[in-house]
Amino acid sequence: MIQSYFGGGKGKTSSAVGSIIRCLGSGKKVLFVQFLKNNDSSELEILRKLSGVDILVSEEPYHLFDNQKSERTGPLSRAYQRLLEQITTVISDYSLVVLDEILDVIDFGYLPEETLLTLLRQFKDWLEFILTGHKISPNIADISDYISEVKEVKHPYQKGMSPRKGFEY
């Protein structure tokens, strides 16, 4: 099964982490893979302490404005390709694989959409996936079994507030 959580509102990663907790509570193993973040999101601190969840993050730092680059074959793209290769070597050990911000990785062109679709098609019949990000492509929407749109109605950013550790990251 494939679940996709997308949209401009807050709560996509939080929903995925809630699903991780539920899955761990039933005795299953989880792989949490985080893209487009700087490996300092607060959820990583608690997930690292939980038995049954493994975490993969890119060794290449992400910078907020990387998505404005016109060239998509640089270090970040190669790092994300290596992450997907790592996933395929260990994926059979898990019941749930969360690919946090993967929809944006595809949208920004850091990985070819077909690379992700191939992975999903290969394992979706016996493994649960959760994909998060701001935009979902028609092809990913077609292959998804669940789709939840998280819509921003009001946000403190609109008042000039900065992200707060423990709440927005």
N, C-alpha and C. Protein backbone atom coordinates (compact mmCIF):
# COMPACT_ATOMS: atom_id res chain seq x y z
N MET A 1 0.83 -1.19 0.00
CA MET A 1 0.00 0.00 0.00
C MET A 1 0.87 1.24 0.00
N ILE A 2 0.38 2.26 -0.63
CA ILE A 2 1.10 3.54 -0.69
C ILE A 2 0.18 4.64 -0.18
N GLN A 3 0.66 5.35 0.83
CA GLN A 3 -0.04 6.50 1.37
C GLN A 3 0.76 7.74 0.98
N SER A 4 0.08 8.77 0.50
CA SER A 4 0.73 10.03 0.15
C SER A 4 0.08 11.16 0.91
N TYR A 5 0.89 11.91 1.64
CA TYR A 5 0.44 13.09 2.39
C TYR A 5 1.11 14.29 1.74
N PHE A 6 0.30 15.19 1.19
CA PHE A 6 0.88 16.32 0.48
C PHE A 6 0.10 17.59 0.78
N GLY A 7 0.70 18.72 0.44
CA GLY A 7 0.03 20.01 0.56
C GLY A 7 0.90 21.03 1.25
N GLY A 8 0.37 22.24 1.33
CA GLY A 8 1.11 23.36 1.89
C GLY A 8 0.94 23.53 3.38
N GLY A 9 0.11 22.73 4.00
CA GLY A 9 -0.14 22.90 5.43
C GLY A 9 0.80 22.09 6.30
N LYS A 10 0.76 22.39 7.59
CA LYS A 10 1.59 21.71 8.58
C LYS A 10 0.94 20.37 8.94
N GLY A 11 1.76 19.33 9.06
CA GLY A 11 1.22 18.07 9.55
C GLY A 11 1.55 16.83 8.74
N LYS A 12 2.25 16.98 7.63
CA LYS A 12 2.55 15.81 6.80
C LYS A 12 3.54 14.88 7.50
N THR A 13 4.65 15.41 7.92
CA THR A 13 5.64 14.59 8.64
C THR A 13 5.07 14.15 9.98
N SER A 14 4.34 15.02 10.65
CA SER A 14 3.73 14.65 11.93
C SER A 14 2.78 13.47 11.77
N SER A 15 2.01 13.46 10.70
CA SER A 15 1.13 12.32 10.44
C SER A 15 1.93 11.05 10.17
N ALA A 16 3.00 11.20 9.42
CA ALA A 16 3.85 10.04 9.14
C ALA A 16 4.45 9.49 10.43
N VAL A 17 4.91 10.38 11.32
CA VAL A 17 5.49 9.94 12.59
C VAL A 17 4.42 9.25 13.44
N GLY A 18 3.21 9.74 13.42
CA GLY A 18 2.12 9.07 14.13
C GLY A 18 1.89 7.66 13.60
N SER A 19 1.99 7.48 12.29
CA SER A 19 1.85 6.15 11.70
C SER A 19 3.02 5.25 12.10
N ILE A 20 4.20 5.84 12.23
CA ILE A 20 5.35 5.07 12.70
C ILE A 20 5.09 4.53 14.10
N ILE A 21 4.58 5.38 14.98
CA ILE A 21 4.29 4.98 16.36
C ILE A 21 3.28 3.84 16.37
N ARG A 22 2.24 3.97 15.58
CA ARG A 22 1.21 2.92 15.50
C ARG A 22 1.81 1.61 15.00
N CYS A 23 2.65 1.69 13.98
CA CYS A 23 3.27 0.49 13.42
C CYS A 23 4.20 -0.17 14.44
N LEU A 24 5.03 0.64 15.12
CA LEU A 24 5.92 0.10 16.15
C LEU A 24 5.13 -0.54 17.28
N GLY A 25 3.99 0.06 17.63
CA GLY A 25 3.15 -0.47 18.70
C GLY A 25 2.60 -1.85 18.39
N SER A 26 2.54 -2.19 17.12
CA SER A 26 2.06 -3.52 16.75
C SER A 26 3.21 -4.51 16.53
N GLY A 27 4.43 -4.09 16.89
CA GLY A 27 5.57 -4.98 16.80
C GLY A 27 6.26 -5.03 15.45
N LYS A 28 5.93 -4.11 14.57
CA LYS A 28 6.53 -4.11 13.24
C LYS A 28 7.77 -3.21 13.21
N LYS A 29 8.60 -3.39 12.17
CA LYS A 29 9.80 -2.58 11.98
C LYS A 29 9.55 -1.49 10.94
N VAL A 30 10.20 -0.35 11.14
CA VAL A 30 9.99 0.82 10.30
C VAL A 30 11.33 1.38 9.82
N LEU A 31 11.34 1.82 8.57
CA LEU A 31 12.47 2.57 8.02
C LEU A 31 11.98 3.99 7.73
N PHE A 32 12.64 4.97 8.33
CA PHE A 32 12.30 6.39 8.14
C PHE A 32 13.44 7.04 7.37
N VAL A 33 13.14 7.52 6.18
CA VAL A 33 14.14 8.14 5.31
C VAL A 33 13.75 9.60 5.11
N GLN A 34 14.66 10.50 5.48
CA GLN A 34 14.34 11.92 5.42
C GLN A 34 15.16 12.62 4.35
N PHE A 35 14.46 13.35 3.48
CA PHE A 35 15.06 14.12 2.39
C PHE A 35 14.80 15.60 2.64
N LEU A 36 15.60 16.45 2.04
CA LEU A 36 15.39 17.91 2.03
C LEU A 36 15.27 18.53 3.41
N LYS A 37 15.90 17.93 4.37
CA LYS A 37 15.96 18.52 5.71
C LYS A 37 17.41 18.42 6.16
N ASN A 38 17.76 19.19 7.15
CA ASN A 38 19.15 19.26 7.57
C ASN A 38 19.50 18.32 8.70
N ASN A 39 18.74 17.26 8.86
CA ASN A 39 19.01 16.22 9.84
C ASN A 39 18.96 16.72 11.28
N ASP A 40 18.26 17.83 11.51
CA ASP A 40 18.12 18.35 12.87
C ASP A 40 16.66 18.48 13.29
N SER A 41 15.75 17.86 12.52
CA SER A 41 14.34 17.91 12.89
C SER A 41 14.13 17.15 14.20
N SER A 42 13.34 17.70 15.08
CA SER A 42 13.17 17.16 16.43
C SER A 42 12.63 15.74 16.45
N GLU A 43 11.86 15.34 15.44
CA GLU A 43 11.33 13.97 15.44
C GLU A 43 12.45 12.94 15.37
N LEU A 44 13.58 13.30 14.79
CA LEU A 44 14.69 12.37 14.70
C LEU A 44 15.23 11.99 16.08
N GLU A 45 15.22 12.95 17.00
CA GLU A 45 15.75 12.69 18.35
C GLU A 45 14.97 11.57 19.03
N ILE A 46 13.67 11.61 18.98
CA ILE A 46 12.87 10.59 19.66
C ILE A 46 12.85 9.29 18.86
N LEU A 47 12.79 9.39 17.53
CA LEU A 47 12.77 8.18 16.71
C LEU A 47 14.05 7.37 16.89
N ARG A 48 15.17 8.05 17.08
CA ARG A 48 16.45 7.35 17.29
C ARG A 48 16.44 6.53 18.58
N LYS A 49 15.61 6.90 19.53
CA LYS A 49 15.55 6.22 20.83
C LYS A 49 14.59 5.03 20.83
N LEU A 50 13.78 4.91 19.79
CA LEU A 50 12.77 3.86 19.75
C LEU A 50 13.31 2.59 19.11
N SER A 51 13.00 1.48 19.72
CA SER A 51 13.39 0.18 19.17
C SER A 51 12.46 -0.16 18.01
N GLY A 52 13.05 -0.64 16.91
CA GLY A 52 12.24 -1.06 15.77
C GLY A 52 12.19 -0.06 14.64
N VAL A 53 12.80 1.11 14.82
CA VAL A 53 12.82 2.11 13.74
C VAL A 53 14.28 2.40 13.39
N ASP A 54 14.56 2.37 12.09
CA ASP A 54 15.87 2.75 11.58
C ASP A 54 15.71 4.01 10.76
N ILE A 55 16.73 4.85 10.77
CA ILE A 55 16.67 6.16 10.11
C ILE A 55 17.79 6.27 9.10
N LEU A 56 17.44 6.75 7.92
CA LEU A 56 18.44 7.09 6.90
C LEU A 56 18.26 8.56 6.54
N VAL A 57 19.35 9.29 6.52
CA VAL A 57 19.35 10.69 6.09
C VAL A 57 20.52 10.89 5.16
N SER A 58 20.46 11.93 4.37
CA SER A 58 21.53 12.21 3.43
C SER A 58 22.75 12.77 4.15
N GLU A 59 23.93 12.34 3.69
CA GLU A 59 25.16 12.90 4.24
C GLU A 59 25.44 14.27 3.60
N GLU A 60 24.72 14.60 2.55
CA GLU A 60 24.89 15.88 1.86
C GLU A 60 23.89 16.89 2.43
N PRO A 61 24.37 18.02 2.95
CA PRO A 61 23.45 18.99 3.55
C PRO A 61 22.52 19.60 2.50
N TYR A 62 21.31 19.86 2.93
CA TYR A 62 20.33 20.52 2.07
C TYR A 62 20.28 21.99 2.46
N HIS A 63 20.26 22.85 1.48
CA HIS A 63 20.14 24.28 1.73
C HIS A 63 18.82 24.75 1.13
N LEU A 64 18.13 25.59 1.83
CA LEU A 64 16.77 26.00 1.48
C LEU A 64 16.63 26.40 0.02
N PHE A 65 17.63 27.03 -0.55
CA PHE A 65 17.47 27.55 -1.91
C PHE A 65 18.05 26.62 -2.97
N ASP A 66 18.43 25.40 -2.59
CA ASP A 66 18.92 24.44 -3.57
C ASP A 66 17.89 24.16 -4.65
N ASN A 67 16.61 24.21 -4.29
CA ASN A 67 15.56 23.88 -5.25
C ASN A 67 15.45 24.93 -6.37
N GLN A 68 16.20 26.01 -6.28
CA GLN A 68 16.17 27.02 -7.33
C GLN A 68 17.28 26.80 -8.36
N LYS A 69 18.13 25.81 -8.12
CA LYS A 69 19.21 25.53 -9.07
C LYS A 69 18.61 24.96 -10.35
N SER A 70 19.18 25.34 -11.46
CA SER A 70 18.69 24.80 -12.72
C SER A 70 19.33 23.44 -13.02
N GLU A 71 20.49 23.17 -12.42
CA GLU A 71 21.20 21.92 -12.68
C GLU A 71 20.89 20.94 -11.56
N ARG A 72 20.34 19.77 -11.90
CA ARG A 72 19.85 18.81 -10.90
C ARG A 72 20.69 17.54 -10.82
N THR A 73 21.92 17.58 -11.23
CA THR A 73 22.73 16.37 -11.19
C THR A 73 23.92 16.55 -10.25
N GLY A 74 23.82 17.49 -9.33
CA GLY A 74 24.92 17.80 -8.42
C GLY A 74 24.98 16.86 -7.23
N PRO A 75 25.72 17.26 -6.20
CA PRO A 75 25.95 16.40 -5.03
C PRO A 75 24.66 15.94 -4.33
N LEU A 76 23.67 16.81 -4.22
CA LEU A 76 22.44 16.43 -3.54
C LEU A 76 21.70 15.35 -4.31
N SER A 77 21.63 15.49 -5.62
CA SER A 77 20.98 14.48 -6.44
C SER A 77 21.69 13.13 -6.31
N ARG A 78 23.01 13.14 -6.34
CA ARG A 78 23.77 11.89 -6.18
C ARG A 78 23.57 11.29 -4.79
N ALA A 79 23.51 12.15 -3.78
CA ALA A 79 23.29 11.66 -2.40
C ALA A 79 21.91 11.01 -2.28
N TYR A 80 20.91 11.59 -2.92
CA TYR A 80 19.57 11.01 -2.85
C TYR A 80 19.49 9.71 -3.64
N GLN A 81 20.22 9.62 -4.73
CA GLN A 81 20.28 8.36 -5.48
C GLN A 81 20.90 7.27 -4.60
N ARG A 82 21.95 7.61 -3.85
CA ARG A 82 22.58 6.64 -2.94
C ARG A 82 21.61 6.22 -1.84
N LEU A 83 20.81 7.17 -1.34
CA LEU A 83 19.81 6.81 -0.33
C LEU A 83 18.83 5.78 -0.87
N LEU A 84 18.33 6.01 -2.08
CA LEU A 84 17.39 5.04 -2.67
C LEU A 84 18.06 3.69 -2.88
N GLU A 85 19.32 3.68 -3.26
CA GLU A 85 20.03 2.41 -3.41
C GLU A 85 20.16 1.70 -2.06
N GLN A 86 20.44 2.45 -0.99
CA GLN A 86 20.50 1.87 0.35
C GLN A 86 19.16 1.24 0.73
N ILE A 87 18.08 1.96 0.43
CA ILE A 87 16.74 1.47 0.76
C ILE A 87 16.50 0.11 0.13
N THR A 88 16.84 -0.02 -1.15
CA THR A 88 16.54 -1.28 -1.84
C THR A 88 17.33 -2.45 -1.28
N THR A 89 18.47 -2.19 -0.65
CA THR A 89 19.26 -3.29 -0.09
C THR A 89 18.74 -3.77 1.26
N VAL A 90 17.96 -2.94 1.97
CA VAL A 90 17.49 -3.31 3.31
C VAL A 90 15.97 -3.39 3.42
N ILE A 91 15.27 -3.06 2.38
CA ILE A 91 13.82 -2.86 2.44
C ILE A 91 13.05 -4.09 2.93
N SER A 92 13.55 -5.27 2.66
CA SER A 92 12.82 -6.48 3.05
C SER A 92 12.76 -6.68 4.56
N ASP A 93 13.52 -5.90 5.32
CA ASP A 93 13.52 -6.01 6.78
C ASP A 93 12.37 -5.26 7.44
N TYR A 94 11.58 -4.50 6.67
CA TYR A 94 10.61 -3.56 7.26
C TYR A 94 9.18 -3.84 6.82
N SER A 95 8.25 -3.35 7.64
CA SER A 95 6.83 -3.38 7.30
C SER A 95 6.36 -2.04 6.76
N LEU A 96 7.02 -0.96 7.20
CA LEU A 96 6.66 0.40 6.79
C LEU A 96 7.93 1.14 6.41
N VAL A 97 7.87 1.83 5.27
CA VAL A 97 8.96 2.71 4.83
C VAL A 97 8.37 4.10 4.62
N VAL A 98 8.88 5.07 5.38
CA VAL A 98 8.45 6.46 5.25
C VAL A 98 9.51 7.21 4.46
N LEU A 99 9.10 7.83 3.37
CA LEU A 99 9.99 8.64 2.54
C LEU A 99 9.56 10.10 2.70
N ASP A 100 10.11 10.73 3.74
CA ASP A 100 9.71 12.08 4.12
C ASP A 100 10.29 13.10 3.15
N GLU A 101 9.42 13.90 2.55
CA GLU A 101 9.74 14.95 1.58
C GLU A 101 10.14 14.40 0.21
N ILE A 102 9.90 13.13 -0.05
CA ILE A 102 10.27 12.55 -1.35
C ILE A 102 9.47 13.18 -2.50
N LEU A 103 8.24 13.60 -2.23
CA LEU A 103 7.45 14.21 -3.30
C LEU A 103 8.10 15.50 -3.78
N ASP A 104 8.74 16.25 -2.87
CA ASP A 104 9.44 17.47 -3.26
C ASP A 104 10.75 17.14 -3.98
N VAL A 105 11.41 16.07 -3.56
CA VAL A 105 12.64 15.64 -4.25
C VAL A 105 12.32 15.39 -5.72
N ILE A 106 11.19 14.75 -5.98
CA ILE A 106 10.77 14.48 -7.35
C ILE A 106 10.37 15.78 -8.05
N ASP A 107 9.59 16.61 -7.36
CA ASP A 107 9.13 17.86 -7.95
C ASP A 107 10.29 18.79 -8.29
N PHE A 108 11.32 18.84 -7.45
CA PHE A 108 12.48 19.71 -7.69
C PHE A 108 13.45 19.11 -8.70
N GLY A 109 13.24 17.85 -9.08
CA GLY A 109 14.08 17.23 -10.10
C GLY A 109 15.36 16.60 -9.58
N TYR A 110 15.48 16.38 -8.28
CA TYR A 110 16.69 15.75 -7.74
C TYR A 110 16.76 14.26 -8.06
N LEU A 111 15.62 13.63 -8.24
CA LEU A 111 15.55 12.23 -8.67
C LEU A 111 14.50 12.11 -9.76
N PRO A 112 14.72 11.23 -10.72
CA PRO A 112 13.69 11.01 -11.73
C PRO A 112 12.46 10.34 -11.11
N GLU A 113 11.31 10.79 -11.49
CA GLU A 113 10.06 10.21 -10.97
C GLU A 113 10.02 8.70 -11.23
N GLU A 114 10.50 8.27 -12.36
CA GLU A 114 10.44 6.84 -12.70
C GLU A 114 11.26 5.99 -11.73
N THR A 115 12.32 6.55 -11.17
CA THR A 115 13.12 5.83 -10.18
C THR A 115 12.28 5.51 -8.95
N LEU A 116 11.53 6.49 -8.48
CA LEU A 116 10.64 6.26 -7.33
C LEU A 116 9.51 5.31 -7.70
N LEU A 117 8.90 5.52 -8.85
CA LEU A 117 7.79 4.66 -9.26
C LEU A 117 8.22 3.20 -9.39
N THR A 118 9.42 2.96 -9.88
CA THR A 118 9.93 1.59 -9.99
C THR A 118 10.04 0.95 -8.61
N LEU A 119 10.59 1.68 -7.65
CA LEU A 119 10.70 1.18 -6.28
C LEU A 119 9.32 0.87 -5.70
N LEU A 120 8.39 1.78 -5.87
CA LEU A 120 7.04 1.59 -5.33
C LEU A 120 6.34 0.39 -5.97
N ARG A 121 6.43 0.28 -7.28
CA ARG A 121 5.79 -0.85 -7.96
C ARG A 121 6.38 -2.19 -7.51
N GLN A 122 7.67 -2.20 -7.29
CA GLN A 122 8.35 -3.45 -6.93
C GLN A 122 7.92 -3.97 -5.56
N PHE A 123 7.63 -3.08 -4.62
CA PHE A 123 7.40 -3.51 -3.24
C PHE A 123 6.01 -3.21 -2.69
N LYS A 124 5.15 -2.51 -3.41
CA LYS A 124 3.89 -2.04 -2.83
C LYS A 124 2.90 -3.14 -2.47
N ASP A 125 3.03 -4.31 -3.03
CA ASP A 125 2.08 -5.37 -2.73
C ASP A 125 2.30 -6.02 -1.37
N TRP A 126 3.46 -5.86 -0.77
CA TRP A 126 3.73 -6.48 0.52
C TRP A 126 4.34 -5.55 1.55
N LEU A 127 4.46 -4.26 1.19
CA LEU A 127 5.09 -3.29 2.07
C LEU A 127 4.27 -2.00 2.08
N GLU A 128 4.19 -1.35 3.21
CA GLU A 128 3.49 -0.07 3.34
C GLU A 128 4.49 1.06 3.14
N PHE A 129 4.14 2.02 2.30
CA PHE A 129 4.94 3.22 2.08
C PHE A 129 4.13 4.43 2.50
N ILE A 130 4.82 5.43 3.07
CA ILE A 130 4.24 6.75 3.28
C ILE A 130 5.17 7.74 2.59
N LEU A 131 4.61 8.54 1.69
CA LEU A 131 5.34 9.56 0.96
C LEU A 131 4.82 10.92 1.42
N THR A 132 5.73 11.87 1.68
CA THR A 132 5.28 13.21 2.06
C THR A 132 5.91 14.24 1.14
N GLY A 133 5.31 15.43 1.10
CA GLY A 133 5.83 16.55 0.33
C GLY A 133 4.73 17.54 0.01
N HIS A 134 5.08 18.58 -0.69
CA HIS A 134 4.13 19.65 -0.98
C HIS A 134 3.26 19.39 -2.21
N LYS A 135 3.84 18.76 -3.23
CA LYS A 135 3.10 18.51 -4.48
C LYS A 135 3.16 17.03 -4.81
N ILE A 136 2.06 16.52 -5.34
CA ILE A 136 2.02 15.14 -5.79
C ILE A 136 1.79 15.12 -7.30
N SER A 137 2.60 14.37 -7.99
CA SER A 137 2.46 14.29 -9.45
C SER A 137 1.29 13.37 -9.80
N PRO A 138 0.74 13.51 -10.99
CA PRO A 138 -0.34 12.62 -11.41
C PRO A 138 0.06 11.14 -11.37
N ASN A 139 1.29 10.82 -11.76
CA ASN A 139 1.72 9.41 -11.76
C ASN A 139 1.81 8.85 -10.35
N ILE A 140 2.31 9.63 -9.41
CA ILE A 140 2.39 9.17 -8.03
C ILE A 140 0.99 9.10 -7.43
N ALA A 141 0.13 10.04 -7.79
CA ALA A 141 -1.26 9.98 -7.33
C ALA A 141 -1.94 8.71 -7.84
N ASP A 142 -1.69 8.35 -9.08
CA ASP A 142 -2.30 7.15 -9.66
C ASP A 142 -1.89 5.88 -8.93
N ILE A 143 -0.63 5.79 -8.51
CA ILE A 143 -0.15 4.57 -7.86
C ILE A 143 -0.49 4.53 -6.37
N SER A 144 -0.84 5.69 -5.79
CA SER A 144 -1.14 5.77 -4.35
C SER A 144 -2.49 5.14 -4.04
N ASP A 145 -2.56 4.49 -2.87
CA ASP A 145 -3.81 3.90 -2.40
C ASP A 145 -4.57 4.87 -1.49
N TYR A 146 -3.83 5.63 -0.71
CA TYR A 146 -4.39 6.68 0.15
C TYR A 146 -3.73 7.99 -0.26
N ILE A 147 -4.51 9.05 -0.32
CA ILE A 147 -3.96 10.38 -0.53
C ILE A 147 -4.66 11.33 0.44
N SER A 148 -3.85 12.04 1.22
CA SER A 148 -4.38 13.05 2.13
C SER A 148 -3.73 14.38 1.79
N GLU A 149 -4.56 15.39 1.56
CA GLU A 149 -4.04 16.73 1.30
C GLU A 149 -4.10 17.54 2.58
N VAL A 150 -2.97 18.12 2.94
CA VAL A 150 -2.87 18.95 4.14
C VAL A 150 -2.85 20.40 3.66
N LYS A 151 -3.93 21.10 3.91
CA LYS A 151 -4.11 22.44 3.37
C LYS A 151 -3.84 23.49 4.44
N GLU A 152 -3.04 24.49 4.07
CA GLU A 152 -2.79 25.61 4.97
C GLU A 152 -3.95 26.58 4.90
N VAL A 153 -4.53 26.88 6.05
CA VAL A 153 -5.58 27.87 6.13
C VAL A 153 -5.04 29.15 6.77
N LYS A 154 -4.25 28.97 7.81
CA LYS A 154 -3.63 30.09 8.51
C LYS A 154 -2.32 29.58 9.08
N HIS A 155 -1.29 30.41 9.04
CA HIS A 155 0.03 29.97 9.50
C HIS A 155 0.77 31.14 10.15
N PRO A 156 1.49 30.90 11.24
CA PRO A 156 2.25 31.98 11.88
C PRO A 156 3.30 32.63 10.97
N TYR A 157 3.76 31.93 9.95
CA TYR A 157 4.70 32.53 9.00
C TYR A 157 4.12 33.79 8.38
N GLN A 158 2.80 33.79 8.20
CA GLN A 158 2.13 34.94 7.59
C GLN A 158 2.28 36.19 8.46
N LYS A 159 2.58 36.01 9.74
CA LYS A 159 2.80 37.14 10.66
C LYS A 159 4.29 37.39 10.86
N GLY A 160 5.13 36.69 10.09
CA GLY A 160 6.56 36.88 10.18
C GLY A 160 7.25 36.03 11.23
N MET A 161 6.55 35.08 11.83
CA MET A 161 7.17 34.22 12.84
C MET A 161 8.11 33.21 12.19
N SER A 162 9.24 32.96 12.84
CA SER A 162 10.19 31.97 12.37
C SER A 162 9.78 30.57 12.85
N PRO A 163 10.26 29.53 12.19
CA PRO A 163 9.98 28.15 12.65
C PRO A 163 10.51 27.94 14.06
N ARG A 164 9.76 27.20 14.87
CA ARG A 164 10.12 26.94 16.26
C ARG A 164 10.52 25.48 16.42
N LYS A 165 11.70 25.26 17.02
CA LYS A 165 12.17 23.89 17.26
C LYS A 165 11.18 23.19 18.18
N GLY A 166 10.82 21.98 17.83
CA GLY A 166 9.87 21.21 18.63
C GLY A 166 8.43 21.37 18.15
N PHE A 167 8.19 22.32 17.26
CA PHE A 167 6.83 22.52 16.74
C PHE A 167 6.80 22.47 15.22
N GLU A 168 7.63 23.28 14.57
CA GLU A 168 7.68 23.23 13.10
C GLU A 168 8.84 22.37 12.60
N TYR A 169 9.79 22.09 13.45
CA TYR A 169 10.89 21.20 13.05
C TYR A 169 11.47 20.53 14.26
